[in-house]
Amino acid sequence: MHVQELDVRPLRKPDKHPAIFQTYDALAVGASLVLVNNHDPKHLREEFDADYPGGYGWEYLDKGPEAWRIRISKLTSTPIPSIIGDTHAIVSDARDPAATGAVWKLQMRRRDLDSNIVRLQPETRIATHAGPDLDVLLIVLDGAGQLTTEIDTLDIQAGALAWLPRRSQRSFAAGPDGLTYLTIHQRRQALVLDPAPGRS
């Protein structure tokens, strides 16, 4: 079978990875491309590991110094399901007093979803804000606290599954043991929290 060679050395740095993934995506299952680069593309391999874990082959043919040549093989038609984390370990690490904010997030470049694990230290809060223009599913993994809406305050604890409709107003307060929760929502470029109208 003919193996396509892709020499990215003449390309601008921002254009290299997109060209490589475009070429890889066009391959048939079982086919390969030979990448030619002027250095060991370690960051590229990290991206393949994140996006195609177990679904691609990586074989060094030449290791510089002038040129690096790597055979990249397409082993599966799509990225395959994989285990990407251990919530028990993440929650355990998040109990460290230095851990706060987003302590985990999805790393795949190509995805339709965003997901984060957020840690609030004991007795801290996220002020009232209007959520983004998308629905969010929230799962409490550890600790307890309160979710305050426009009209009510709800007690939440490990195991609680909460639905946060788009643009809804809410605030979070962590209890004495802190609060760790997982959020899942449609992907967007940036998740910006807007102050709720009429509140400080």
Protein backbone atom coordinates (compact mmCIF):
# COMPACT_ATOMS: atom_id res chain seq x y z
CA MET A 1 0.00 0.00 0.00
CA HIS A 2 1.27 3.47 -0.87
CA VAL A 3 2.19 5.51 2.20
CA GLN A 4 1.66 9.25 1.90
CA GLU A 5 4.54 11.46 3.04
CA LEU A 6 3.68 14.79 4.65
CA ASP A 7 6.57 17.22 5.04
CA VAL A 8 5.46 20.02 7.35
CA ARG A 9 8.84 21.74 7.60
CA PRO A 10 7.95 24.50 5.09
CA LEU A 11 4.67 25.29 6.88
CA ARG A 12 4.13 28.04 9.44
CA LYS A 13 3.97 26.67 12.98
CA PRO A 14 0.21 27.42 13.43
CA ASP A 15 -0.54 25.51 10.22
CA LYS A 16 1.38 22.32 11.01
CA HIS A 17 -0.95 20.46 13.36
CA PRO A 18 -4.14 21.29 11.40
CA ALA A 19 -2.49 19.98 8.21
CA ILE A 20 -1.39 16.79 9.97
CA PHE A 21 -4.83 16.06 11.43
CA GLN A 22 -6.56 16.87 8.14
CA THR A 23 -4.31 14.37 6.38
CA TYR A 24 -4.77 11.78 9.13
CA ASP A 25 -8.57 12.15 9.05
CA ALA A 26 -8.58 11.45 5.30
CA LEU A 27 -6.74 8.13 5.76
CA ALA A 28 -8.56 4.83 5.44
CA VAL A 29 -8.44 2.50 8.43
CA GLY A 30 -5.16 0.58 8.23
CA ALA A 31 -3.42 3.27 6.16
CA SER A 32 -0.49 5.39 7.29
CA LEU A 33 1.20 8.68 6.64
CA VAL A 34 4.87 9.45 7.14
CA LEU A 35 5.30 12.78 8.88
CA VAL A 36 8.51 14.71 8.18
CA ASN A 37 9.39 17.41 10.69
CA ASN A 38 12.46 19.31 11.87
CA HIS A 39 12.08 18.21 15.52
CA ASP A 40 10.52 15.47 17.63
CA PRO A 41 6.78 16.37 17.62
CA LYS A 42 6.12 15.51 21.27
CA HIS A 43 3.20 17.95 21.59
CA LEU A 44 1.59 16.45 18.51
CA ARG A 45 1.79 13.01 20.08
CA GLU A 46 0.13 14.36 23.24
CA GLU A 47 -2.72 15.61 21.06
CA PHE A 48 -3.03 12.20 19.39
CA ASP A 49 -3.04 10.56 22.83
CA ALA A 50 -5.84 12.87 23.95
CA ASP A 51 -7.96 12.62 20.80
CA TYR A 52 -7.24 9.06 19.60
CA PRO A 53 -6.10 7.01 22.64
CA GLY A 54 -5.34 3.49 21.43
CA GLY A 55 -6.64 4.28 17.95
CA TYR A 56 -3.42 5.21 16.18
CA GLY A 57 0.10 3.90 15.64
CA TRP A 58 3.29 5.93 16.09
CA GLU A 59 6.62 4.63 14.77
CA TYR A 60 9.86 6.60 14.54
CA LEU A 61 11.65 5.97 11.24
CA ASP A 62 14.34 8.67 11.62
CA LYS A 63 15.22 10.70 14.71
CA GLY A 64 16.97 13.76 13.30
CA PRO A 65 19.04 15.74 13.56
CA GLU A 66 18.07 17.19 10.15
CA ALA A 67 14.69 15.54 9.85
CA TRP A 68 12.40 13.48 12.02
CA ARG A 69 10.27 10.94 10.17
CA ILE A 70 7.36 9.23 11.95
CA ARG A 71 4.91 6.72 10.54
CA ILE A 72 1.43 7.51 11.92
CA SER A 73 -1.09 4.73 11.29
CA LYS A 74 -4.86 4.93 11.50
CA LEU A 75 -6.05 1.90 13.47
CA THR A 76 -9.74 2.79 13.99
CA SER A 77 -12.36 4.67 12.00
CA THR A 78 -13.18 7.04 14.87
CA PRO A 79 -11.75 7.80 18.28
CA ILE A 80 -12.61 4.90 20.58
CA PRO A 81 -14.29 5.04 23.99
CA SER A 82 -11.76 5.31 26.79
CA ILE A 83 -11.39 5.92 30.52
CA ILE A 84 -10.23 9.52 30.91
CA GLY A 85 -10.10 9.92 34.67
CA ASP A 86 -10.93 8.63 38.13
CA THR A 87 -13.35 10.88 40.00
CA HIS A 88 -12.42 9.29 43.34
CA ALA A 89 -8.77 10.24 42.84
CA ILE A 90 -9.68 13.72 41.58
CA VAL A 91 -11.98 14.31 44.55
CA SER A 92 -9.30 13.06 46.96
CA ASP A 93 -6.72 15.43 45.45
CA ALA A 94 -9.27 18.28 45.48
CA ARG A 95 -9.57 18.03 49.28
CA ASP A 96 -6.10 19.60 49.49
CA PRO A 97 -6.58 23.12 50.94
CA ALA A 98 -4.63 24.54 47.98
CA ALA A 99 -7.09 23.05 45.46
CA THR A 100 -9.78 25.45 44.34
CA GLY A 101 -11.61 26.29 41.13
CA ALA A 102 -11.47 23.94 38.14
CA VAL A 103 -9.40 20.93 39.24
CA TRP A 104 -10.11 18.83 36.10
CA LYS A 105 -11.39 19.42 32.57
CA LEU A 106 -11.78 17.58 29.28
CA GLN A 107 -8.56 17.75 27.25
CA MET A 108 -9.67 16.47 23.84
CA ARG A 109 -9.29 19.09 21.12
CA ARG A 110 -12.16 17.69 19.10
CA ARG A 111 -15.29 17.33 21.18
CA ASP A 112 -18.91 18.47 21.32
CA LEU A 113 -18.98 18.69 25.11
CA ASP A 114 -17.16 20.57 27.82
CA SER A 115 -16.82 19.16 31.31
CA ASN A 116 -15.07 20.41 34.44
CA ILE A 117 -14.69 19.35 38.03
CA VAL A 118 -14.86 22.40 40.29
CA ARG A 119 -13.77 22.55 43.92
CA LEU A 120 -15.04 25.13 46.42
CA GLN A 121 -13.14 25.22 49.67
CA PRO A 122 -15.13 25.05 52.95
CA GLU A 123 -17.43 28.01 53.60
CA THR A 124 -16.63 29.71 50.27
CA ARG A 125 -19.08 30.68 47.56
CA ILE A 126 -19.64 31.61 43.94
CA ALA A 127 -21.66 34.83 43.88
CA THR A 128 -25.02 35.15 42.16
CA HIS A 129 -24.61 35.17 38.40
CA ALA A 130 -26.53 34.43 35.22
CA GLY A 131 -25.30 31.22 33.64
CA PRO A 132 -24.12 30.92 30.05
CA ASP A 133 -26.45 30.61 27.08
CA LEU A 134 -26.50 26.82 27.34
CA ASP A 135 -27.89 24.17 29.66
CA VAL A 136 -25.60 22.68 32.28
CA LEU A 137 -25.85 19.35 34.08
CA LEU A 138 -24.23 19.42 37.53
CA ILE A 139 -23.35 16.35 39.61
CA VAL A 140 -22.13 16.80 43.19
CA LEU A 141 -19.18 14.45 43.76
CA ASP A 142 -18.12 15.36 47.29
CA GLY A 143 -19.10 17.56 50.21
CA ALA A 144 -22.28 19.56 50.53
CA GLY A 145 -23.57 23.07 50.20
CA GLN A 146 -26.37 25.15 48.80
CA LEU A 147 -27.58 26.13 45.34
CA THR A 148 -29.54 29.39 45.46
CA THR A 149 -31.92 30.23 42.61
CA GLU A 150 -34.06 33.33 42.00
CA ILE A 151 -36.76 32.04 44.37
CA ASP A 152 -35.31 29.30 46.54
CA THR A 153 -32.26 27.78 48.21
CA LEU A 154 -31.64 24.09 47.61
CA ASP A 155 -29.45 21.88 49.76
CA ILE A 156 -27.05 19.82 47.65
CA GLN A 157 -24.75 16.98 48.66
CA ALA A 158 -22.73 14.17 47.13
CA GLY A 159 -24.92 12.34 44.65
CA ALA A 160 -27.18 15.30 43.84
CA LEU A 161 -27.91 15.77 40.15
CA ALA A 162 -28.92 19.34 39.27
CA TRP A 163 -30.19 20.86 36.04
CA LEU A 164 -29.11 24.46 35.41
CA PRO A 165 -31.15 25.89 32.51
CA ARG A 166 -29.49 28.35 30.18
CA ARG A 167 -29.16 31.91 31.49
CA SER A 168 -30.69 30.92 34.86
CA GLN A 169 -29.56 32.85 37.92
CA ARG A 170 -27.75 30.87 40.60
CA SER A 171 -25.14 31.01 43.30
CA PHE A 172 -23.26 28.27 45.16
CA ALA A 173 -22.12 28.07 48.76
CA ALA A 174 -19.90 25.31 50.11
CA GLY A 175 -20.55 23.75 53.50
CA PRO A 176 -17.97 23.03 56.23
CA ASP A 177 -16.41 20.17 54.22
CA GLY A 178 -16.27 22.04 50.92
CA LEU A 179 -18.08 21.21 47.70
CA THR A 180 -16.81 19.41 44.61
CA TYR A 181 -19.00 19.08 41.54
CA LEU A 182 -18.83 17.99 37.91
CA THR A 183 -20.42 20.09 35.18
CA ILE A 184 -21.27 18.90 31.67
CA HIS A 185 -22.50 21.15 28.88
CA GLN A 186 -22.29 21.75 25.16
CA ARG A 187 -18.92 23.05 24.13
CA ARG A 188 -18.37 26.75 23.61
CA GLN A 189 -15.24 28.83 23.23
CA ALA A 190 -15.40 30.53 26.62
CA LEU A 191 -17.64 30.10 29.63
CA VAL A 192 -18.25 33.62 30.95
CA LEU A 193 -20.23 34.27 34.11
CA ASP A 194 -22.29 37.47 33.90
CA PRO A 195 -23.41 39.33 37.02
CA ALA A 196 -27.11 38.84 37.67
CA PRO A 197 -29.22 41.97 37.04
CA GLY A 198 -29.96 44.00 40.17
CA ARG A 199 -27.67 42.00 42.48
CA SER A 200 -24.23 42.55 43.86
